C-alpha cells in the first residue's frame, strides 16, 4: 500500500498532536476534584478517563509511527527518483 506524502505528514502530525492533547488532558484529569473521592481513592470518572487517555496514547503512537514510516518511505522514493 502506498501512502502519499501529504497523508504521511498528516498521520505524523496527528500522532504528535494526540500526544500534546492527551498529556494536557492527563494533567488536568489528575488535578480535577472529580477524579478523587473524599478518602483519596480514584472515582469512576477518573478510571474511565484514564483508560480513554491510555488508549488514545496507544492509538496516537501507532498512527504517528505509521506516519513517520510513510514520511521516510516517501522521502527515499523522492531521493531515488532525483
N, C-alpha and C. Protein backbone atom coordinates (compact mmCIF):
# COMPACT_ATOMS: atom_id res chain seq x y z
N UNK A 1 0.84 -1.18 0.00
CA UNK A 1 0.00 0.00 0.00
C UNK A 1 0.89 1.24 0.00
N UNK A 2 0.54 2.18 -0.81
CA UNK A 2 1.29 3.43 -0.90
C UNK A 2 0.49 4.54 -0.21
N UNK A 3 1.21 5.31 0.56
CA UNK A 3 0.60 6.46 1.23
C UNK A 3 1.25 7.70 0.64
N UNK A 4 0.45 8.66 0.24
CA UNK A 4 1.01 9.89 -0.32
C UNK A 4 1.78 10.65 0.75
N UNK A 5 2.68 11.49 0.31
CA UNK A 5 3.49 12.27 1.25
C UNK A 5 2.60 13.16 2.13
N UNK A 6 1.58 13.76 1.53
CA UNK A 6 0.67 14.61 2.31
C UNK A 6 -0.05 13.83 3.39
N UNK A 7 -0.51 12.63 3.05
CA UNK A 7 -1.19 11.79 4.03
C UNK A 7 -0.21 11.35 5.12
N UNK A 8 1.01 11.03 4.72
CA UNK A 8 2.03 10.61 5.69
C UNK A 8 2.32 11.72 6.69
N UNK A 9 2.45 12.94 6.19
CA UNK A 9 2.69 14.08 7.08
C UNK A 9 1.50 14.31 7.99
N UNK A 10 0.29 14.17 7.45
CA UNK A 10 -0.92 14.31 8.27
C UNK A 10 -0.93 13.28 9.40
N UNK A 11 -0.61 12.03 9.10
CA UNK A 11 -0.61 10.98 10.12
C UNK A 11 0.44 11.27 11.19
N UNK A 12 1.61 11.69 10.77
CA UNK A 12 2.66 12.04 11.73
C UNK A 12 2.22 13.21 12.61
N UNK A 13 1.67 14.23 11.99
CA UNK A 13 1.19 15.40 12.75
C UNK A 13 0.08 15.01 13.71
N UNK A 14 -0.81 14.12 13.28
CA UNK A 14 -1.88 13.66 14.15
C UNK A 14 -1.32 12.95 15.38
N UNK A 15 -0.31 12.11 15.18
CA UNK A 15 0.32 11.41 16.30
C UNK A 15 0.93 12.37 17.31
N UNK A 16 1.64 13.38 16.81
CA UNK A 16 2.24 14.39 17.69
C UNK A 16 1.14 15.18 18.40
N UNK A 17 0.16 15.62 17.65
CA UNK A 17 -0.96 16.39 18.22
C UNK A 17 -1.67 15.58 19.31
N UNK A 18 -1.87 14.30 19.05
CA UNK A 18 -2.53 13.43 20.02
C UNK A 18 -1.78 13.41 21.34
N UNK A 19 -0.46 13.29 21.27
CA UNK A 19 0.34 13.29 22.50
C UNK A 19 0.23 14.62 23.23
N UNK A 20 0.29 15.72 22.50
CA UNK A 20 0.20 17.04 23.15
C UNK A 20 -1.15 17.19 23.86
N UNK A 21 -2.22 16.85 23.17
CA UNK A 21 -3.56 16.99 23.73
C UNK A 21 -3.76 16.08 24.94
N UNK A 22 -3.37 14.81 24.82
CA UNK A 22 -3.66 13.86 25.88
C UNK A 22 -2.76 14.03 27.09
N UNK A 23 -1.54 14.55 26.91
CA UNK A 23 -0.71 14.89 28.08
C UNK A 23 -1.38 15.99 28.87
N UNK A 24 -1.87 17.01 28.17
CA UNK A 24 -2.58 18.10 28.83
C UNK A 24 -3.83 17.58 29.54
N UNK A 25 -4.58 16.72 28.86
CA UNK A 25 -5.78 16.16 29.45
C UNK A 25 -5.44 15.34 30.70
N UNK A 26 -4.38 14.53 30.63
CA UNK A 26 -3.99 13.70 31.77
C UNK A 26 -3.62 14.56 32.98
N UNK A 27 -2.90 15.65 32.74
CA UNK A 27 -2.56 16.57 33.84
C UNK A 27 -3.82 17.16 34.47
N UNK A 28 -4.74 17.58 33.61
CA UNK A 28 -6.00 18.16 34.11
C UNK A 28 -6.84 17.12 34.84
N UNK A 29 -6.84 15.90 34.33
CA UNK A 29 -7.58 14.82 34.98
C UNK A 29 -7.04 14.57 36.38
N UNK A 30 -5.72 14.50 36.48
CA UNK A 30 -5.09 14.24 37.77
C UNK A 30 -5.42 15.33 38.79
N UNK A 31 -5.50 16.57 38.32
CA UNK A 31 -5.74 17.70 39.21
C UNK A 31 -7.22 17.94 39.50
N UNK A 32 -8.11 17.28 38.79
CA UNK A 32 -9.54 17.53 38.93
C UNK A 32 -10.09 16.99 40.25
N UNK A 33 -10.97 17.77 40.85
CA UNK A 33 -11.65 17.34 42.08
C UNK A 33 -12.58 16.16 41.81
N UNK A 34 -13.06 16.04 40.58
CA UNK A 34 -13.95 14.93 40.22
C UNK A 34 -13.22 13.60 40.15
N UNK A 35 -11.90 13.62 40.10
CA UNK A 35 -11.12 12.40 39.93
C UNK A 35 -10.92 11.62 41.21
N UNK A 36 -11.09 12.28 42.34
CA UNK A 36 -10.74 11.65 43.61
C UNK A 36 -11.89 11.74 44.61
N UNK A 37 -12.15 10.62 45.26
CA UNK A 37 -13.17 10.58 46.31
C UNK A 37 -12.60 11.24 47.57
N UNK A 38 -13.45 11.47 48.54
CA UNK A 38 -13.03 12.11 49.78
C UNK A 38 -11.94 11.32 50.50
N UNK A 39 -11.95 9.99 50.35
CA UNK A 39 -10.94 9.18 51.00
C UNK A 39 -9.64 9.07 50.20
N UNK A 40 -9.59 9.76 49.06
CA UNK A 40 -8.38 9.77 48.23
C UNK A 40 -8.33 8.70 47.15
N UNK A 41 -9.35 7.88 47.07
CA UNK A 41 -9.37 6.83 46.05
C UNK A 41 -9.88 7.40 44.73
N UNK A 42 -9.50 6.78 43.61
CA UNK A 42 -9.96 7.29 42.31
C UNK A 42 -11.45 7.01 42.12
N UNK A 43 -12.12 7.95 41.48
CA UNK A 43 -13.55 7.79 41.19
C UNK A 43 -13.73 7.08 39.86
N UNK A 44 -14.96 6.72 39.57
CA UNK A 44 -15.27 6.13 38.28
C UNK A 44 -14.93 7.07 37.14
N UNK A 45 -15.15 8.35 37.37
CA UNK A 45 -14.80 9.38 36.38
C UNK A 45 -13.32 9.28 36.03
N UNK A 46 -12.48 9.17 37.05
CA UNK A 46 -11.04 9.07 36.82
C UNK A 46 -10.68 7.81 36.05
N UNK A 47 -11.23 6.68 36.47
CA UNK A 47 -10.89 5.40 35.85
C UNK A 47 -11.27 5.40 34.37
N UNK A 48 -12.49 5.82 34.08
CA UNK A 48 -12.95 5.83 32.69
C UNK A 48 -12.07 6.75 31.84
N UNK A 49 -11.76 7.92 32.33
CA UNK A 49 -10.97 8.87 31.56
C UNK A 49 -9.49 8.47 31.50
N UNK A 50 -9.01 7.79 32.52
CA UNK A 50 -7.64 7.28 32.47
C UNK A 50 -7.51 6.20 31.40
N UNK A 51 -8.50 5.32 31.31
CA UNK A 51 -8.49 4.28 30.26
C UNK A 51 -8.57 4.95 28.88
N UNK A 52 -9.44 5.93 28.73
CA UNK A 52 -9.56 6.67 27.48
C UNK A 52 -8.22 7.32 27.10
N UNK A 53 -7.54 7.88 28.08
CA UNK A 53 -6.25 8.52 27.85
C UNK A 53 -5.21 7.52 27.40
N UNK A 54 -5.13 6.38 28.06
CA UNK A 54 -4.14 5.36 27.71
C UNK A 54 -4.39 4.84 26.29
N UNK A 55 -5.64 4.55 25.99
CA UNK A 55 -5.99 4.06 24.64
C UNK A 55 -5.63 5.12 23.60
N UNK A 56 -5.90 6.37 23.90
CA UNK A 56 -5.58 7.44 22.96
C UNK A 56 -4.08 7.60 22.77
N UNK A 57 -3.30 7.43 23.83
CA UNK A 57 -1.84 7.45 23.70
C UNK A 57 -1.38 6.31 22.78
N UNK A 58 -1.93 5.14 22.97
CA UNK A 58 -1.55 3.98 22.15
C UNK A 58 -1.91 4.21 20.69
N UNK A 59 -3.13 4.66 20.43
CA UNK A 59 -3.56 4.91 19.05
C UNK A 59 -2.78 6.06 18.42
N UNK A 60 -2.56 7.13 19.18
CA UNK A 60 -1.78 8.25 18.67
C UNK A 60 -0.36 7.84 18.33
N UNK A 61 0.22 6.98 19.17
CA UNK A 61 1.57 6.48 18.90
C UNK A 61 1.59 5.62 17.64
N UNK A 62 0.63 4.72 17.53
CA UNK A 62 0.57 3.84 16.35
C UNK A 62 0.39 4.66 15.07
N UNK A 63 -0.49 5.63 15.09
CA UNK A 63 -0.73 6.46 13.92
C UNK A 63 0.50 7.31 13.60
N UNK A 64 1.14 7.85 14.64
CA UNK A 64 2.36 8.64 14.44
C UNK A 64 3.50 7.81 13.87
N UNK A 65 3.66 6.58 14.36
CA UNK A 65 4.70 5.70 13.84
C UNK A 65 4.42 5.35 12.38
N UNK A 66 3.18 5.06 12.07
CA UNK A 66 2.80 4.79 10.68
C UNK A 66 3.13 6.00 9.80
N UNK A 67 2.78 7.18 10.28
CA UNK A 67 3.09 8.40 9.54
C UNK A 67 4.58 8.61 9.37
N UNK A 68 5.35 8.37 10.43
CA UNK A 68 6.81 8.53 10.38
C UNK A 68 7.41 7.58 9.34
N UNK A 69 6.99 6.32 9.37
CA UNK A 69 7.50 5.34 8.41
C UNK A 69 7.12 5.73 6.98
N UNK A 70 5.92 6.23 6.81
CA UNK A 70 5.46 6.64 5.48
C UNK A 70 6.23 7.87 4.99
N UNK A 71 6.49 8.82 5.89
CA UNK A 71 7.28 10.00 5.52
C UNK A 71 8.67 9.57 5.07
N UNK A 72 9.29 8.68 5.84
CA UNK A 72 10.62 8.19 5.47
C UNK A 72 10.60 7.47 4.13
N UNK A 73 9.57 6.66 3.90
CA UNK A 73 9.47 5.92 2.64
C UNK A 73 9.28 6.87 1.46
N UNK A 74 8.43 7.87 1.63
CA UNK A 74 8.21 8.81 0.52
C UNK A 74 9.45 9.67 0.29
N UNK A 75 10.20 9.95 1.34
CA UNK A 75 11.45 10.71 1.19
C UNK A 75 12.47 9.88 0.41
N UNK A 76 12.58 8.59 0.73
CA UNK A 76 13.51 7.71 0.00
C UNK A 76 13.10 7.59 -1.46
N UNK A 77 11.79 7.47 -1.72
CA UNK A 77 11.31 7.38 -3.09
C UNK A 77 11.66 8.65 -3.85
N UNK A 78 11.47 9.80 -3.19
CA UNK A 78 11.77 11.07 -3.83
C UNK A 78 13.27 11.21 -4.10
N UNK A 79 14.10 10.81 -3.14
CA UNK A 79 15.55 10.91 -3.31
C UNK A 79 16.06 9.98 -4.41
N UNK A 80 15.50 8.78 -4.53
CA UNK A 80 15.96 7.85 -5.56
C UNK A 80 15.46 8.25 -6.95
N UNK A 81 14.39 9.02 -7.01
CA UNK A 81 13.86 9.45 -8.31
C UNK A 81 14.64 10.63 -8.87
N UNK A 82 15.36 11.34 -8.01
CA UNK A 82 16.11 12.52 -8.49
C UNK A 82 17.53 12.23 -8.76
